[in-house]
Structures are given as structure tokens and as C-alpha cells.
PDB file of all heavy atoms in Angstrom:
ATOM      1  N   ASP A   1    -185.374  -9.300  64.933  1.00  0.00           N
ATOM      2  CA  ASP A   1    -184.804  -8.796  63.690  1.00  0.00           C
ATOM      3  C   ASP A   1    -185.809  -7.984  62.874  1.00  0.00           C
ATOM      4  O   ASP A   1    -185.523  -7.614  61.722  1.00  0.00           O
ATOM      5  CB  ASP A   1    -184.291  -9.975  62.842  1.00  0.00           C
ATOM      6  CG  ASP A   1    -183.147 -10.713  63.532  1.00  0.00           C
ATOM      7  OD1 ASP A   1    -182.296 -10.032  64.141  1.00  0.00           O
ATOM      8  OD2 ASP A   1    -183.133 -11.952  63.472  1.00  0.00           O
ATOM      9  N   GLY A   2    -186.979  -7.727  63.457  1.00  0.00           N
ATOM     10  CA  GLY A   2    -187.982  -6.906  62.784  1.00  0.00           C
ATOM     11  C   GLY A   2    -188.816  -7.641  61.764  1.00  0.00           C
ATOM     12  O   GLY A   2    -189.494  -7.017  60.953  1.00  0.00           O
ATOM     13  N   ARG A   3    -188.811  -8.968  61.819  1.00  0.00           N
ATOM     14  CA  ARG A   3    -189.621  -9.738  60.889  1.00  0.00           C
ATOM     15  C   ARG A   3    -190.982 -10.023  61.521  1.00  0.00           C
ATOM     16  O   ARG A   3    -191.055 -10.448  62.687  1.00  0.00           O
ATOM     17  CB  ARG A   3    -188.923 -11.047  60.523  1.00  0.00           C
ATOM     18  CG  ARG A   3    -187.707 -10.867  59.634  1.00  0.00           C
ATOM     19  CD  ARG A   3    -186.979 -12.162  59.420  1.00  0.00           C
ATOM     20  NE  ARG A   3    -186.490 -12.718  60.689  1.00  0.00           N
ATOM     21  CZ  ARG A   3    -185.490 -13.585  60.780  1.00  0.00           C
ATOM     22  NH1 ARG A   3    -184.862 -13.996  59.698  1.00  0.00           N
ATOM     23  NH2 ARG A   3    -185.122 -14.048  61.961  1.00  0.00           N
ATOM     24  N   PHE A   4    -192.024  -9.804  60.742  1.00  0.00           N
ATOM     25  CA  PHE A   4    -193.388 -10.019  61.230  1.00  0.00           C
ATOM     26  C   PHE A   4    -193.784 -11.479  61.060  1.00  0.00           C
ATOM     27  O   PHE A   4    -193.510 -12.098  60.036  1.00  0.00           O
ATOM     28  CB  PHE A   4    -194.381  -9.134  60.467  1.00  0.00           C
ATOM     29  CG  PHE A   4    -195.830  -9.372  60.852  1.00  0.00           C
ATOM     30  CD1 PHE A   4    -196.361  -8.801  61.999  1.00  0.00           C
ATOM     31  CD2 PHE A   4    -196.647 -10.178  60.063  1.00  0.00           C
ATOM     32  CE1 PHE A   4    -197.688  -9.032  62.353  1.00  0.00           C
ATOM     33  CE2 PHE A   4    -197.969 -10.414  60.415  1.00  0.00           C
ATOM     34  CZ  PHE A   4    -198.490  -9.835  61.570  1.00  0.00           C
ATOM     35  N   GLY A   5    -194.433 -12.026  62.086  1.00  0.00           N
ATOM     36  CA  GLY A   5    -194.926 -13.394  62.014  1.00  0.00           C
ATOM     37  C   GLY A   5    -196.282 -13.512  62.677  1.00  0.00           C
ATOM     38  O   GLY A   5    -196.628 -12.724  63.562  1.00  0.00           O
ATOM     39  N   SER A   6    -197.057 -14.481  62.238  1.00  0.00           N
ATOM     40  CA  SER A   6    -198.398 -14.680  62.787  1.00  0.00           C
ATOM     41  C   SER A   6    -198.760 -16.152  62.769  1.00  0.00           C
ATOM     42  O   SER A   6    -198.400 -16.887  61.847  1.00  0.00           O
ATOM     43  CB  SER A   6    -199.436 -13.887  61.974  1.00  0.00           C
ATOM     44  OG  SER A   6    -200.748 -14.186  62.394  1.00  0.00           O
ATOM     45  N   SER A   7    -199.487 -16.570  63.819  1.00  0.00           N
ATOM     46  CA  SER A   7    -199.996 -17.948  63.853  1.00  0.00           C
ATOM     47  C   SER A   7    -201.242 -18.097  63.004  1.00  0.00           C
ATOM     48  O   SER A   7    -201.724 -19.207  62.793  1.00  0.00           O
ATOM     49  CB  SER A   7    -200.314 -18.344  65.301  1.00  0.00           C
ATOM     50  OG  SER A   7    -201.324 -17.484  65.841  1.00  0.00           O
ATOM     51  N   LEU A   8    -201.769 -16.956  62.516  1.00  0.00           N
ATOM     52  CA  LEU A   8    -202.986 -16.959  61.707  1.00  0.00           C
ATOM     53  C   LEU A   8    -202.682 -16.379  60.339  1.00  0.00           C
ATOM     54  O   LEU A   8    -202.261 -15.233  60.214  1.00  0.00           O
ATOM     55  CB  LEU A   8    -204.088 -16.132  62.380  1.00  0.00           C
ATOM     56  CG  LEU A   8    -204.507 -16.572  63.793  1.00  0.00           C
ATOM     57  CD1 LEU A   8    -205.479 -15.576  64.389  1.00  0.00           C
ATOM     58  CD2 LEU A   8    -205.123 -17.971  63.762  1.00  0.00           C
ATOM     59  N   GLY A   9    -202.910 -17.146  59.311  1.00  0.00           N
ATOM     60  CA  GLY A   9    -202.628 -16.666  57.969  1.00  0.00           C
ATOM     61  C   GLY A   9    -203.722 -15.780  57.403  1.00  0.00           C
ATOM     62  O   GLY A   9    -203.510 -15.049  56.430  1.00  0.00           O
ATOM     63  N   ASN A  10    -204.899 -15.835  58.007  1.00  0.00           N
ATOM     64  CA  ASN A  10    -206.057 -15.084  57.528  1.00  0.00           C
ATOM     65  C   ASN A  10    -206.129 -13.733  58.227  1.00  0.00           C
ATOM     66  O   ASN A  10    -206.165 -13.659  59.456  1.00  0.00           O
ATOM     67  CB  ASN A  10    -207.324 -15.905  57.802  1.00  0.00           C
ATOM     68  CG  ASN A  10    -208.570 -15.289  57.229  1.00  0.00           C
ATOM     69  OD1 ASN A  10    -208.871 -14.131  57.502  1.00  0.00           O
ATOM     70  ND2 ASN A  10    -209.301 -16.060  56.440  1.00  0.00           N
ATOM     71  N   ARG A  11    -206.146 -12.637  57.451  1.00  0.00           N
ATOM     72  CA  ARG A  11    -206.177 -11.302  58.057  1.00  0.00           C
ATOM     73  C   ARG A  11    -207.454 -11.070  58.863  1.00  0.00           C
ATOM     74  O   ARG A  11    -207.428 -10.380  59.873  1.00  0.00           O
ATOM     75  CB  ARG A  11    -206.022 -10.223  56.983  1.00  0.00           C
ATOM     76  CG  ARG A  11    -204.625 -10.107  56.421  1.00  0.00           C
ATOM     77  CD  ARG A  11    -204.432  -8.790  55.698  1.00  0.00           C
ATOM     78  NE  ARG A  11    -205.310  -8.663  54.553  1.00  0.00           N
ATOM     79  CZ  ARG A  11    -204.995  -9.010  53.316  1.00  0.00           C
ATOM     80  NH1 ARG A  11    -203.793  -9.536  53.068  1.00  0.00           N
ATOM     81  NH2 ARG A  11    -205.843  -8.850  52.313  1.00  0.00           N
ATOM     82  N   ARG A  12    -208.570 -11.642  58.421  1.00  0.00           N
ATOM     83  CA  ARG A  12    -209.816 -11.473  59.170  1.00  0.00           C
ATOM     84  C   ARG A  12    -209.718 -12.130  60.549  1.00  0.00           C
ATOM     85  O   ARG A  12    -210.199 -11.585  61.542  1.00  0.00           O
ATOM     86  CB  ARG A  12    -211.001 -12.058  58.390  1.00  0.00           C
ATOM     87  CG  ARG A  12    -212.318 -11.932  59.151  1.00  0.00           C
ATOM     88  CD  ARG A  12    -213.522 -12.318  58.320  1.00  0.00           C
ATOM     89  NE  ARG A  12    -214.744 -12.268  59.119  1.00  0.00           N
ATOM     90  CZ  ARG A  12    -215.389 -11.148  59.419  1.00  0.00           C
ATOM     91  NH1 ARG A  12    -214.940  -9.984  58.993  1.00  0.00           N
ATOM     92  NH2 ARG A  12    -216.494 -11.187  60.140  1.00  0.00           N
ATOM     93  N   LYS A  13    -209.090 -13.299  60.610  1.00  0.00           N
ATOM     94  CA  LYS A  13    -208.922 -13.966  61.901  1.00  0.00           C
ATOM     95  C   LYS A  13    -208.018 -13.149  62.821  1.00  0.00           C
ATOM     96  O   LYS A  13    -208.232 -13.116  64.043  1.00  0.00           O
ATOM     97  CB  LYS A  13    -208.359 -15.372  61.699  1.00  0.00           C
ATOM     98  CG  LYS A  13    -209.352 -16.341  61.061  1.00  0.00           C
ATOM     99  CD  LYS A  13    -208.745 -17.720  60.898  1.00  0.00           C
ATOM    100  CE  LYS A  13    -209.741 -18.684  60.268  1.00  0.00           C
ATOM    101  NZ  LYS A  13    -209.150 -20.032  60.083  1.00  0.00           N
ATOM    102  N   ARG A  14    -207.020 -12.491  62.264  1.00  0.00           N
ATOM    103  CA  ARG A  14    -206.165 -11.633  63.085  1.00  0.00           C
ATOM    104  C   ARG A  14    -206.974 -10.475  63.670  1.00  0.00           C
ATOM    105  O   ARG A  14    -206.807 -10.107  64.834  1.00  0.00           O
ATOM    106  CB  ARG A  14    -205.014 -11.086  62.243  1.00  0.00           C
ATOM    107  CG  ARG A  14    -204.044 -12.138  61.749  1.00  0.00           C
ATOM    108  CD  ARG A  14    -203.017 -11.534  60.806  1.00  0.00           C
ATOM    109  NE  ARG A  14    -202.246 -12.582  60.136  1.00  0.00           N
ATOM    110  CZ  ARG A  14    -201.380 -12.347  59.153  1.00  0.00           C
ATOM    111  NH1 ARG A  14    -201.186 -11.101  58.709  1.00  0.00           N
ATOM    112  NH2 ARG A  14    -200.725 -13.342  58.599  1.00  0.00           N
ATOM    113  N   PHE A  15    -207.849  -9.909  62.842  1.00  0.00           N
ATOM    114  CA  PHE A  15    -208.707  -8.828  63.325  1.00  0.00           C
ATOM    115  C   PHE A  15    -209.603  -9.312  64.464  1.00  0.00           C
ATOM    116  O   PHE A  15    -209.704  -8.654  65.508  1.00  0.00           O
ATOM    117  CB  PHE A  15    -209.567  -8.298  62.179  1.00  0.00           C
ATOM    118  CG  PHE A  15    -210.754  -7.504  62.628  1.00  0.00           C
ATOM    119  CD1 PHE A  15    -210.602  -6.219  63.133  1.00  0.00           C
ATOM    120  CD2 PHE A  15    -212.032  -8.049  62.571  1.00  0.00           C
ATOM    121  CE1 PHE A  15    -211.701  -5.496  63.570  1.00  0.00           C
ATOM    122  CE2 PHE A  15    -213.136  -7.334  62.998  1.00  0.00           C
ATOM    123  CZ  PHE A  15    -212.967  -6.045  63.503  1.00  0.00           C
ATOM    124  N   LEU A  16    -210.238 -10.465  64.275  1.00  0.00           N
ATOM    125  CA  LEU A  16    -211.134 -10.983  65.303  1.00  0.00           C
ATOM    126  C   LEU A  16    -210.386 -11.277  66.596  1.00  0.00           C
ATOM    127  O   LEU A  16    -210.929 -11.070  67.691  1.00  0.00           O
ATOM    128  CB  LEU A  16    -211.846 -12.247  64.793  1.00  0.00           C
ATOM    129  CG  LEU A  16    -212.823 -12.028  63.631  1.00  0.00           C
ATOM    130  CD1 LEU A  16    -213.352 -13.364  63.124  1.00  0.00           C
ATOM    131  CD2 LEU A  16    -213.974 -11.114  64.047  1.00  0.00           C
ATOM    132  N   ARG A  17    -209.161 -11.740  66.467  1.00  0.00           N
ATOM    133  CA  ARG A  17    -208.357 -11.974  67.676  1.00  0.00           C
ATOM    134  C   ARG A  17    -208.015 -10.653  68.351  1.00  0.00           C
ATOM    135  O   ARG A  17    -208.049 -10.552  69.584  1.00  0.00           O
ATOM    136  CB  ARG A  17    -207.075 -12.728  67.292  1.00  0.00           C
ATOM    137  CG  ARG A  17    -206.050 -12.852  68.411  1.00  0.00           C
ATOM    138  CD  ARG A  17    -206.585 -13.644  69.592  1.00  0.00           C
ATOM    139  NE  ARG A  17    -205.576 -13.757  70.638  1.00  0.00           N
ATOM    140  CZ  ARG A  17    -205.330 -12.825  71.565  1.00  0.00           C
ATOM    141  NH1 ARG A  17    -206.019 -11.692  71.553  1.00  0.00           N
ATOM    142  NH2 ARG A  17    -204.397 -13.018  72.473  1.00  0.00           N
ATOM    143  N   SER A  18    -207.718  -9.628  67.572  1.00  0.00           N
ATOM    144  CA  SER A  18    -207.360  -8.330  68.140  1.00  0.00           C
ATOM    145  C   SER A  18    -208.508  -7.735  68.944  1.00  0.00           C
ATOM    146  O   SER A  18    -208.294  -7.109  69.992  1.00  0.00           O
ATOM    147  CB  SER A  18    -206.942  -7.355  67.035  1.00  0.00           C
ATOM    148  OG  SER A  18    -205.745  -7.771  66.410  1.00  0.00           O
ATOM    149  N   VAL A  19    -209.733  -7.891  68.443  1.00  0.00           N
ATOM    150  CA  VAL A  19    -210.892  -7.277  69.103  1.00  0.00           C
ATOM    151  C   VAL A  19    -211.730  -8.330  69.822  1.00  0.00           C
ATOM    152  O   VAL A  19    -212.949  -8.191  69.973  1.00  0.00           O
ATOM    153  CB  VAL A  19    -211.754  -6.490  68.094  1.00  0.00           C
ATOM    154  CG1 VAL A  19    -210.951  -5.365  67.469  1.00  0.00           C
ATOM    155  CG2 VAL A  19    -212.321  -7.406  67.004  1.00  0.00           C
ATOM    156  N   GLY A  20    -211.064  -9.367  70.303  1.00  0.00           N
ATOM    157  CA  GLY A  20    -211.773 -10.466  70.951  1.00  0.00           C
ATOM    158  C   GLY A  20    -212.565 -10.079  72.171  1.00  0.00           C
ATOM    159  O   GLY A  20    -213.491 -10.793  72.573  1.00  0.00           O
ATOM    160  N   ARG A  21    -212.249  -8.943  72.760  1.00  0.00           N
ATOM    161  CA  ARG A  21    -212.945  -8.511  73.971  1.00  0.00           C
ATOM    162  C   ARG A  21    -214.395  -8.102  73.719  1.00  0.00           C
ATOM    163  O   ARG A  21    -215.140  -7.852  74.673  1.00  0.00           O
ATOM    164  CB  ARG A  21    -212.188  -7.359  74.610  1.00  0.00           C
ATOM    165  CG  ARG A  21    -211.131  -7.828  75.594  1.00  0.00           C
ATOM    166  CD  ARG A  21    -211.748  -8.123  76.944  1.00  0.00           C
ATOM    167  NE  ARG A  21    -210.945  -9.018  77.747  1.00  0.00           N
ATOM    168  CZ  ARG A  21    -211.223  -9.298  79.030  1.00  0.00           C
ATOM    169  NH1 ARG A  21    -212.259  -8.759  79.620  1.00  0.00           N
ATOM    170  NH2 ARG A  21    -210.470 -10.139  79.685  1.00  0.00           N
ATOM    171  N   VAL A  22    -214.800  -8.006  72.471  1.00  0.00           N
ATOM    172  CA  VAL A  22    -216.190  -7.610  72.211  1.00  0.00           C
ATOM    173  C   VAL A  22    -217.171  -8.678  72.698  1.00  0.00           C
ATOM    174  O   VAL A  22    -218.337  -8.365  72.982  1.00  0.00           O
ATOM    175  CB  VAL A  22    -216.439  -7.306  70.714  1.00  0.00           C
ATOM    176  CG1 VAL A  22    -215.609  -6.123  70.259  1.00  0.00           C
ATOM    177  CG2 VAL A  22    -216.183  -8.534  69.851  1.00  0.00           C
ATOM    178  N   THR A  23    -216.734  -9.921  72.821  1.00  0.00           N
ATOM    179  CA  THR A  23    -217.647 -10.958  73.320  1.00  0.00           C
ATOM    180  C   THR A  23    -217.995 -10.702  74.776  1.00  0.00           C
ATOM    181  O   THR A  23    -219.169 -10.740  75.164  1.00  0.00           O
ATOM    182  CB  THR A  23    -217.034 -12.356  73.147  1.00  0.00           C
ATOM    183  OG1 THR A  23    -216.819 -12.608  71.760  1.00  0.00           O
ATOM    184  CG2 THR A  23    -217.965 -13.422  73.708  1.00  0.00           C
ATOM    185  N   VAL A  24    -216.985 -10.430  75.599  1.00  0.00           N
ATOM    186  CA  VAL A  24    -217.270 -10.067  76.989  1.00  0.00           C
ATOM    187  C   VAL A  24    -218.061  -8.760  77.024  1.00  0.00           C
ATOM    188  O   VAL A  24    -218.925  -8.567  77.890  1.00  0.00           O
ATOM    189  CB  VAL A  24    -215.963  -9.944  77.798  1.00  0.00           C
ATOM    190  CG1 VAL A  24    -216.248  -9.494  79.234  1.00  0.00           C
ATOM    191  CG2 VAL A  24    -215.224 -11.276  77.814  1.00  0.00           C
ATOM    192  N   GLY A  25    -217.788  -7.873  76.065  1.00  0.00           N
ATOM    193  CA  GLY A  25    -218.552  -6.640  75.977  1.00  0.00           C
ATOM    194  C   GLY A  25    -220.031  -6.896  75.757  1.00  0.00           C
ATOM    195  O   GLY A  25    -220.891  -6.181  76.295  1.00  0.00           O
ATOM    196  N   LYS A  26    -220.370  -7.914  74.967  1.00  0.00           N
ATOM    197  CA  LYS A  26    -221.780  -8.275  74.770  1.00  0.00           C
ATOM    198  C   LYS A  26    -222.406  -8.715  76.091  1.00  0.00           C
ATOM    199  O   LYS A  26    -223.570  -8.393  76.393  1.00  0.00           O
ATOM    200  CB  LYS A  26    -221.897  -9.380  73.726  1.00  0.00           C
ATOM    201  CG  LYS A  26    -221.574  -8.946  72.300  1.00  0.00           C
ATOM    202  CD  LYS A  26    -221.714 -10.107  71.335  1.00  0.00           C
ATOM    203  CE  LYS A  26    -221.515  -9.678  69.878  1.00  0.00           C
ATOM    204  NZ  LYS A  26    -220.151  -9.247  69.581  1.00  0.00           N
ATOM    205  N   LEU A  27    -221.662  -9.470  76.876  1.00  0.00           N
ATOM    206  CA  LEU A  27    -222.159  -9.870  78.190  1.00  0.00           C
ATOM    207  C   LEU A  27    -222.380  -8.656  79.082  1.00  0.00           C
ATOM    208  O   LEU A  27    -223.354  -8.599  79.846  1.00  0.00           O
ATOM    209  CB  LEU A  27    -221.179 -10.837  78.854  1.00  0.00           C
ATOM    210  CG  LEU A  27    -221.090 -12.239  78.247  1.00  0.00           C
ATOM    211  CD1 LEU A  27    -219.865 -12.976  78.777  1.00  0.00           C
ATOM    212  CD2 LEU A  27    -222.362 -13.032  78.550  1.00  0.00           C
ATOM    213  N   CYS A  28    -221.493  -7.687  78.996  1.00  0.00           N
ATOM    214  CA  CYS A  28    -221.618  -6.477  79.811  1.00  0.00           C
ATOM    215  C   CYS A  28    -222.813  -5.633  79.364  1.00  0.00           C
ATOM    216  O   CYS A  28    -223.562  -5.104  80.200  1.00  0.00           O
ATOM    217  CB  CYS A  28    -220.338  -5.652  79.738  1.00  0.00           C
ATOM    218  SG  CYS A  28    -218.907  -6.420  80.544  1.00  0.00           S
ATOM    219  N   MET A  29    -222.982  -5.477  78.057  1.00  0.00           N
ATOM    220  CA  MET A  29    -224.102  -4.672  77.561  1.00  0.00           C
ATOM    221  C   MET A  29    -225.443  -5.316  77.905  1.00  0.00           C
ATOM    222  O   MET A  29    -226.388  -4.633  78.305  1.00  0.00           O
ATOM    223  CB  MET A  29    -223.984  -4.483  76.051  1.00  0.00           C
ATOM    224  CG  MET A  29    -222.853  -3.558  75.616  1.00  0.00           C
ATOM    225  SD  MET A  29    -223.029  -1.865  76.262  1.00  0.00           S
ATOM    226  CE  MET A  29    -221.883  -1.923  77.674  1.00  0.00           C
ATOM    227  N   SER A  30    -225.543  -6.620  77.738  1.00  0.00           N
ATOM    228  CA  SER A  30    -226.803  -7.281  78.086  1.00  0.00           C
ATOM    229  C   SER A  30    -227.046  -7.211  79.588  1.00  0.00           C
ATOM    230  O   SER A  30    -228.194  -7.059  80.030  1.00  0.00           O
ATOM    231  CB  SER A  30    -226.820  -8.732  77.593  1.00  0.00           C
ATOM    232  OG  SER A  30    -225.672  -9.437  77.999  1.00  0.00           O
TER     233      SER A  30
END
């Protein structure tokens, strides 16, 4: 129905979840 929902109420946590691949990226860069 076009309603937005999230399991995380904190916008910063949503951001960190969105870009979660940076942790594996750190392993790749090192």
C-alpha cells in the first residue's frame, strides 16, 4: 500500500545497515 516501515527506528542505524559492506571492504583493502 506504499507505507514505509523499518525494523530500526534510528536513521543512523539504517544508514549503517545500508552500507554494511564497508566492513568486508576493510578486509579487502588491508
